[in-house]
Protein backbone atom coordinates (compact mmCIF):
# COMPACT_ATOMS: atom_id res chain seq x y z
CA UNK A 1 0.00 0.00 0.00
CA UNK A 2 1.21 3.48 -0.88
CA UNK A 3 -0.12 6.00 1.60
CA UNK A 4 0.40 9.75 1.76
CA UNK A 5 -1.31 11.32 4.76
CA UNK A 6 -1.93 14.91 5.67
CA UNK A 7 -3.36 15.63 9.12
CA UNK A 8 -4.52 19.13 10.02
CA UNK A 9 -3.38 20.54 13.38
CA UNK A 10 -5.92 19.79 16.07
CA UNK A 11 -7.04 21.79 19.06
CA UNK A 12 -7.58 19.07 21.62
CA UNK A 13 -8.82 20.98 24.64
CA UNK A 14 -11.46 18.87 26.40
CA UNK A 15 -11.32 16.37 23.50
CA UNK A 16 -8.31 14.23 24.37
CA UNK A 17 -10.33 11.03 24.00
CA UNK A 18 -11.91 12.03 20.67
CA UNK A 19 -10.26 10.87 17.46
CA UNK A 20 -10.30 14.06 15.36
CA UNK A 21 -11.26 14.02 11.67
CA UNK A 22 -8.28 13.77 9.35
CA UNK A 23 -7.57 14.48 5.73
CA UNK A 24 -5.95 11.36 4.36
CA UNK A 25 -4.79 11.06 0.76
CA UNK A 26 -4.69 7.29 0.37
CA UNK A 27 -4.18 5.01 -2.58
CA UNK A 28 -3.69 1.27 -2.94
CA UNK A 29 -2.44 -0.65 -5.97
CA UNK A 30 -3.98 -3.95 -7.00
CA UNK A 31 -3.28 -6.03 -10.06
CA UNK A 32 -5.01 -8.49 -12.34
CA UNK A 33 -2.97 -11.38 -13.78
CA UNK A 34 -4.00 -13.42 -16.79
CA UNK A 35 -2.66 -15.02 -19.95
CA UNK A 36 -3.19 -12.76 -22.94
CA UNK A 37 -4.23 -14.08 -26.38
CA UNK A 38 -0.57 -14.51 -27.40
CA UNK A 39 0.02 -16.86 -24.47
CA UNK A 40 2.04 -14.37 -22.44
CA UNK A 41 1.43 -13.97 -18.71
CA UNK A 42 0.25 -10.40 -18.28
CA UNK A 43 -0.26 -8.21 -15.23
CA UNK A 44 -2.44 -5.08 -15.32
CA UNK A 45 -2.29 -2.44 -12.60
CA UNK A 46 -5.32 -0.75 -11.07
CA UNK A 47 -5.07 2.00 -8.47
CA UNK A 48 -7.83 2.43 -5.89
CA UNK A 49 -7.92 5.88 -4.33
CA UNK A 50 -9.97 7.03 -1.33
CA UNK A 51 -11.59 10.45 -1.56
CA UNK A 52 -10.15 12.57 1.31
CA UNK A 53 -13.44 14.42 1.81
CA UNK A 54 -16.14 11.78 1.35
CA UNK A 55 -14.30 8.50 1.92
CA UNK A 56 -15.66 7.11 -1.35
CA UNK A 57 -13.29 5.07 -3.51
CA UNK A 58 -12.50 5.37 -7.19
CA UNK A 59 -10.47 3.22 -9.55
CA UNK A 60 -7.89 4.21 -12.14
CA UNK A 61 -7.46 1.60 -14.87
CA UNK A 62 -4.01 2.36 -16.23
CA UNK A 63 -4.21 -0.31 -18.92
CA UNK A 64 -6.76 1.85 -20.77
CA UNK A 65 -4.88 5.12 -20.45
CA UNK A 66 -3.84 5.18 -24.13
CA UNK A 67 -7.26 4.16 -25.38
CA UNK A 68 -8.96 6.53 -27.79
CA UNK A 69 -12.66 6.34 -27.10
CA UNK A 70 -15.00 6.24 -30.10
CA UNK A 71 -16.07 9.72 -31.10
CA UNK A 72 -13.08 11.51 -29.51
CA UNK A 73 -10.62 11.44 -32.41
CA UNK A 74 -11.92 14.91 -33.30
CA UNK A 75 -14.44 17.36 -31.86
CA UNK A 76 -17.93 16.20 -32.87
CA UNK A 77 -20.01 18.36 -35.16
CA UNK A 78 -22.59 20.67 -33.52
CA UNK A 79 -25.91 19.07 -32.59
CA UNK A 80 -28.38 18.73 -35.46
CA UNK A 81 -30.68 21.34 -33.92
CA UNK A 82 -27.89 23.91 -33.31
CA UNK A 83 -29.52 26.35 -35.76
CA UNK A 84 -33.16 25.63 -34.93
CA UNK A 85 -33.96 28.66 -32.81
CA UNK A 86 -37.66 28.88 -33.68
CA UNK A 87 -38.59 25.89 -31.52
CA UNK A 88 -36.43 26.84 -28.52
CA UNK A 89 -38.35 28.44 -25.61
CA UNK A 90 -35.13 30.10 -24.39
CA UNK A 91 -34.45 31.99 -27.64
CA UNK A 92 -35.68 35.44 -28.54
CA UNK A 93 -38.41 36.42 -29.06
CA UNK A 94 -40.30 33.40 -27.63
CA UNK A 95 -38.49 33.47 -24.26
CA UNK A 96 -40.89 36.06 -22.86
CA UNK A 97 -44.00 34.15 -23.94
CA UNK A 98 -42.88 30.58 -23.26
CA UNK A 99 -41.07 30.81 -19.93
CA UNK A 100 -42.65 31.30 -16.48
CA UNK A 101 -42.29 34.34 -14.25
CA UNK A 102 -41.10 34.63 -10.67
CA UNK A 103 -43.69 34.97 -7.92
CA UNK A 104 -44.25 38.64 -6.97
CA UNK A 105 -42.85 37.89 -3.50
CA UNK A 106 -39.47 37.40 -5.18
CA UNK A 107 -39.60 39.89 -8.04
CA UNK A 108 -42.21 42.33 -9.24
CA UNK A 109 -40.54 42.26 -12.68
CA UNK A 110 -41.08 38.51 -13.01
CA UNK A 111 -37.57 37.86 -14.30
CA UNK A 112 -34.07 38.96 -13.33
CA UNK A 113 -31.78 40.33 -16.02
CA UNK A 114 -28.13 41.24 -16.14
CA UNK A 115 -26.59 41.98 -19.50
CA UNK A 116 -27.91 39.29 -21.83
CA UNK A 117 -28.62 36.91 -18.96
CA UNK A 118 -32.26 36.27 -18.09
CA UNK A 119 -33.33 34.33 -14.98
CA UNK A 120 -36.79 32.82 -14.51
CA UNK A 121 -38.39 29.86 -12.69
CA UNK A 122 -37.82 26.34 -13.95
CA UNK A 123 -41.05 25.17 -15.56
CA UNK A 124 -40.20 21.65 -14.37
CA UNK A 125 -38.74 22.33 -10.90
CA UNK A 126 -36.50 20.05 -8.87
CA UNK A 127 -37.15 21.85 -5.59
CA UNK A 128 -39.02 24.68 -3.88
CA UNK A 129 -36.96 27.42 -5.53
CA UNK A 130 -35.80 26.10 -8.87
CA UNK A 131 -34.75 28.51 -11.60
CA UNK A 132 -32.89 28.86 -14.89
CA UNK A 133 -30.32 31.53 -15.75
CA UNK A 134 -29.61 31.93 -19.48
CA UNK A 135 -26.18 32.97 -20.72
CA UNK A 136 -27.02 35.18 -23.67
CA UNK A 137 -29.07 35.22 -26.86
CA UNK A 138 -27.08 32.46 -28.57
CA UNK A 139 -28.99 29.20 -29.09
CA UNK A 140 -25.89 27.00 -29.11
CA UNK A 141 -22.42 27.78 -27.77
CA UNK A 142 -19.66 25.25 -28.34
CA UNK A 143 -17.60 24.11 -25.38
CA UNK A 144 -14.96 26.68 -24.48
CA UNK A 145 -16.45 29.35 -26.77
CA UNK A 146 -18.63 31.32 -24.33
CA UNK A 147 -17.44 34.73 -23.18
CA UNK A 148 -16.27 35.48 -19.65
CA UNK A 149 -18.86 38.26 -19.37
CA UNK A 150 -21.77 35.99 -20.36
CA UNK A 151 -20.83 33.40 -17.75
CA UNK A 152 -20.14 36.05 -15.09
CA UNK A 153 -23.46 37.81 -15.71
CA UNK A 154 -25.30 34.50 -15.44
CA UNK A 155 -23.56 33.63 -12.15
CA UNK A 156 -24.23 37.10 -10.71
CA UNK A 157 -27.87 36.73 -11.73
CA UNK A 158 -27.92 33.42 -9.82
CA UNK A 159 -26.40 34.94 -6.70
CA UNK A 160 -28.86 37.83 -6.71
CA UNK A 161 -31.76 35.40 -7.07
CA UNK A 162 -30.45 33.31 -4.18
CA UNK A 163 -30.08 36.45 -2.05
CA UNK A 164 -33.79 37.08 -2.61
CA UNK A 165 -34.53 33.51 -1.52
CA UNK A 166 -32.61 34.01 1.74
CA UNK A 167 -34.67 37.15 2.48
CA UNK A 168 -37.96 35.54 1.49
CA UNK A 169 -37.46 32.11 3.09
CA UNK A 170 -34.56 32.06 5.59
CA UNK A 171 -34.92 28.30 6.05
CA UNK A 172 -34.25 27.51 2.37
CA UNK A 173 -30.50 27.43 3.00
CA UNK A 174 -29.45 24.46 0.85
CA UNK A 175 -28.41 25.97 -2.46
CA UNK A 176 -26.80 24.86 -5.70
CA UNK A 177 -25.84 26.20 -9.11
CA UNK A 178 -25.32 23.53 -11.79
CA UNK A 179 -24.98 23.12 -15.53
CA UNK A 180 -25.65 20.24 -17.93
CA UNK A 181 -24.02 20.92 -21.30
CA UNK A 182 -25.64 18.87 -24.08
CA UNK A 183 -27.92 15.82 -23.75
CA UNK A 184 -25.01 13.47 -22.95
CA UNK A 185 -24.61 15.45 -19.71
CA UNK A 186 -28.34 15.40 -18.99
CA UNK A 187 -29.25 18.67 -20.69
CA UNK A 188 -32.77 18.76 -22.12
CA UNK A 189 -32.16 21.96 -24.13
CA UNK A 190 -28.92 22.90 -25.84
CA UNK A 191 -29.47 26.63 -25.27
CA UNK A 192 -26.74 27.45 -22.68
CA UNK A 193 -28.05 27.98 -19.17
CA UNK A 194 -27.33 27.43 -15.51
CA UNK A 195 -29.77 25.76 -13.15
CA UNK A 196 -30.34 27.08 -9.64
CA UNK A 197 -31.97 25.33 -6.71
CA UNK A 198 -32.70 26.27 -3.11
CA UNK A 199 -34.56 24.18 -0.56
CA UNK A 200 -35.23 23.70 3.13
CA UNK A 201 -34.19 20.06 2.75
CA UNK A 202 -30.60 19.17 1.81
CA UNK A 203 -29.51 16.95 -1.03
CA UNK A 204 -27.27 14.01 -0.14
CA UNK A 205 -24.02 15.78 -0.97
CA UNK A 206 -25.04 18.94 0.86
CA UNK A 207 -25.89 16.95 3.97
CA UNK A 208 -22.69 14.90 3.95
CA UNK A 209 -20.32 17.74 3.04
CA UNK A 210 -21.79 20.10 5.62
CA UNK A 211 -21.37 17.53 8.38
CA UNK A 212 -17.83 16.73 7.28
CA UNK A 213 -16.80 20.40 7.06
CA UNK A 214 -18.38 21.34 10.39
CA UNK A 215 -16.88 18.31 12.19
CA UNK A 216 -13.46 19.10 10.77
CA UNK A 217 -13.66 22.72 11.91
CA UNK A 218 -14.98 21.81 15.33
CA UNK A 219 -12.11 19.42 16.01
CA UNK A 220 -9.25 21.23 14.30
CA UNK A 221 -10.23 24.89 14.09
CA UNK A 222 -9.44 24.75 10.35
CA UNK A 223 -11.56 24.90 7.23
CA UNK A 224 -11.84 21.61 5.36
CA UNK A 225 -11.27 22.69 1.77
CA UNK A 226 -8.64 25.25 2.76
CA UNK A 227 -6.74 22.45 4.51
CA UNK A 228 -7.21 20.19 1.49
CA UNK A 229 -5.84 23.01 -0.65
CA UNK A 230 -2.80 23.47 1.62
CA UNK A 231 -1.91 19.83 1.08
CA UNK A 232 -2.35 20.00 -2.68
CA UNK A 233 -0.28 23.19 -2.97
CA UNK A 234 2.51 21.53 -1.01
CA UNK A 235 2.25 18.35 -3.12
CA UNK A 236 2.00 20.24 -6.42
CA UNK A 237 1.29 17.27 -8.68
CA UNK A 238 -2.44 17.99 -9.06
CA UNK A 239 -2.38 21.78 -8.79
CA UNK A 240 -3.31 23.46 -12.06
CA UNK A 241 -3.43 27.24 -11.55
CA UNK A 242 -5.35 30.20 -10.19
CA UNK A 243 -7.89 32.73 -11.42
CA UNK A 244 -8.09 35.50 -8.86
CA UNK A 245 -8.75 33.91 -5.48
CA UNK A 246 -9.93 30.63 -7.03
CA UNK A 247 -7.48 27.72 -6.83
CA UNK A 248 -7.78 25.01 -9.49
CA UNK A 249 -6.87 21.35 -8.96
CA UNK A 250 -7.36 17.94 -10.49
CA UNK A 251 -9.40 15.87 -8.02
CA UNK A 252 -7.24 13.36 -6.10
CA UNK A 253 -9.90 10.63 -6.27
CA UNK A 254 -12.10 11.63 -9.21
CA UNK A 255 -15.74 10.70 -9.46
CA UNK A 256 -15.86 11.63 -13.15
CA UNK A 257 -13.53 11.79 -16.13
CA UNK A 258 -11.00 14.65 -16.05
CA UNK A 259 -12.58 15.99 -12.86
CA UNK A 260 -11.31 19.45 -11.90
CA UNK A 261 -12.09 21.53 -8.81
CA UNK A 262 -12.04 25.26 -8.23
CA UNK A 263 -11.85 26.18 -4.53
CA UNK A 264 -12.55 29.59 -3.02
CA UNK A 265 -10.97 29.10 0.43
CA UNK A 266 -12.70 30.41 3.57
CA UNK A 267 -15.79 31.63 1.64
CA UNK A 268 -18.88 29.73 2.77
CA UNK A 269 -21.71 31.76 1.23
CA UNK A 270 -22.68 32.86 -2.24
CA UNK A 271 -23.25 36.28 -0.71
CA UNK A 272 -19.54 36.50 0.17
CA UNK A 273 -18.57 36.23 -3.50
CA UNK A 274 -17.81 39.56 -5.17
CA UNK A 275 -18.58 40.38 -8.79
CA UNK A 276 -14.88 40.14 -9.57
CA UNK A 277 -14.82 36.67 -7.93
CA UNK A 278 -17.63 35.57 -10.25
CA UNK A 279 -15.69 36.90 -13.25
CA UNK A 280 -12.58 35.04 -12.08
CA UNK A 281 -14.66 31.88 -11.70
CA UNK A 282 -16.01 32.32 -15.24
CA UNK A 283 -12.47 32.65 -16.56
CA UNK A 284 -11.42 29.44 -14.83
CA UNK A 285 -14.44 27.53 -16.11
CA UNK A 286 -13.65 28.57 -19.67
CA UNK A 287 -10.03 27.51 -19.24
CA UNK A 288 -11.24 24.06 -18.13
CA UNK A 289 -13.62 23.91 -21.09
CA UNK A 290 -10.83 24.82 -23.51
CA UNK A 291 -8.80 21.96 -22.06
CA UNK A 292 -11.74 19.61 -22.58
CA UNK A 293 -12.12 20.95 -26.12
CA UNK A 294 -8.53 20.01 -26.90
CA UNK A 295 -9.41 16.49 -25.74
CA UNK A 296 -12.21 16.56 -28.35
CA UNK A 297 -14.93 16.41 -25.71
CA UNK A 298 -18.12 18.42 -26.07
CA UNK A 299 -20.19 17.64 -22.95
CA UNK A 300 -19.66 18.46 -19.29
CA UNK A 301 -21.33 19.01 -15.93
CA UNK A 302 -20.46 21.59 -13.33
CA UNK A 303 -21.82 22.34 -9.90
CA UNK A 304 -21.22 24.54 -6.88
CA UNK A 305 -22.99 24.05 -3.54
CA UNK A 306 -23.56 26.29 -0.53
CA UNK A 307 -25.38 26.07 2.79
CA UNK A 308 -26.45 29.60 3.67
CA UNK A 309 -26.35 29.47 7.44
CA UNK A 310 -23.90 31.25 9.78
CA UNK A 311 -22.72 27.98 11.32
CA UNK A 312 -21.75 26.47 7.96
CA UNK A 313 -18.03 25.86 7.42
CA UNK A 314 -18.58 24.37 3.98
CA UNK A 315 -16.45 26.43 1.62
CA UNK A 316 -17.35 27.11 -1.98
CA UNK A 317 -15.98 24.58 -4.45
CA UNK A 318 -16.94 24.17 -8.07
CA UNK A 319 -16.63 20.69 -9.58
CA UNK A 320 -16.35 20.23 -13.35
CA UNK A 321 -16.20 16.89 -15.11
CA UNK A 322 -16.30 15.90 -18.76
CA UNK A 323 -19.08 13.61 -19.97
CA UNK A 324 -19.46 11.29 -22.90
CA UNK A 325 -19.55 13.13 -26.19
CA UNK A 326 -22.89 14.02 -27.68
CA UNK A 327 -22.41 12.18 -30.97
CA UNK A 328 -23.87 9.07 -32.64
CA UNK A 329 -22.81 5.72 -31.23
CA UNK A 330 -20.68 7.10 -28.41
CA UNK A 331 -20.73 4.96 -25.30
CA UNK A 332 -21.79 6.29 -21.91
CA UNK A 333 -19.17 7.22 -19.32
CA UNK A 334 -21.15 5.39 -16.61
CA UNK A 335 -21.32 1.61 -16.67
CA UNK A 336 -22.72 -1.01 -14.31
CA UNK A 337 -19.59 -0.56 -12.20
CA UNK A 338 -20.45 3.07 -11.45
CA UNK A 339 -24.20 2.61 -11.19
CA UNK A 340 -24.31 -0.68 -9.25
CA UNK A 341 -21.01 -0.76 -7.31
CA UNK A 342 -20.72 2.97 -6.71
CA UNK A 343 -17.02 3.22 -7.69
CA UNK A 344 -16.04 5.58 -10.48
CA UNK A 345 -13.58 3.97 -12.89
CA UNK A 346 -11.50 6.36 -14.96
CA UNK A 347 -8.69 5.76 -17.42
CA UNK A 348 -6.50 8.78 -16.67
CA UNK A 349 -4.53 9.71 -13.56
CA UNK A 350 -5.39 13.06 -11.90
CA UNK A 351 -1.72 14.02 -12.06
CA UNK A 352 -1.87 13.61 -15.83
CA UNK A 353 -5.06 15.70 -15.96
CA UNK A 354 -3.35 18.51 -14.05
CA UNK A 355 -0.25 18.39 -16.27
CA UNK A 356 -2.37 18.65 -19.42
CA UNK A 357 -4.69 21.36 -18.05
CA UNK A 358 -1.99 23.73 -16.80
CA UNK A 359 -1.35 25.02 -20.31
CA UNK A 360 -4.86 26.55 -20.34
CA UNK A 361 -4.39 28.66 -17.19
């Protein structure tokens, strides 16, 4: 077993008998031995890594690292409906007639606008306060081709909407901003947009991450993701770069292909993020997308979570991961192993992801 451990300093007053939470970066190598078709005894290495935050395991199958997946030898063509704006409810001029309006308790105008970004309720909501924030007037924007200002305006629109939620319903503290780019990533419309959700009830990740972050702070006096970041800066092999105060890393134990994090240390609320922070985040996201584009990938998911309560020590972290290409006859990036065993299996090492992505920052 190869084990690299980082333990944050602990304040042990009145807790001498309590085993404090630790950040452990752990990996274990296993191998599969068999006789290949030529008759040669072959050994294939698999690395199993444990996620320092969640404790979940992932697997890196090094024998497939040179594999070129079908549909990734070049960037796929745009979707067949990339020019069909007439049937899109998010395009002008139909957006005003075909999208819902916010309740007057949240906005007398019915929609929030900033630049070309328009925010309105999700017609098919996932929670009590579910909304959509459009980027601009473009119907289809290829990966890595959006502008920093369009992304930043959309994020600022989201944060202003969530600020209204906090004022209107102080118990709806579990918040998220996500994006599904193209149907292979779960997107139902190709028109670029962010999805926003706020609820009184937490999602699984919000519940688990909040408990982990608060326990870590209670026992050590340190912030969880800031401590994670300290380790990764010292290690250096997965650090990619910075955009403003955002620190960008390849995930140590990825739960998706080419998974990259952006961490804003010590900030635990969307309302603590300045407009310049949102612009810096937008710049980092586009750098990640340009990296994915060079890999000939066209789909991705991103998400950033927050728990808007004073006691929350859960810092802001955006997670971005590439998805299977949206193209004919491309296989899914989730198999029975991910869906039924719960372990992500990826074919590239995070250190390799970081080395390749640095050129884009």
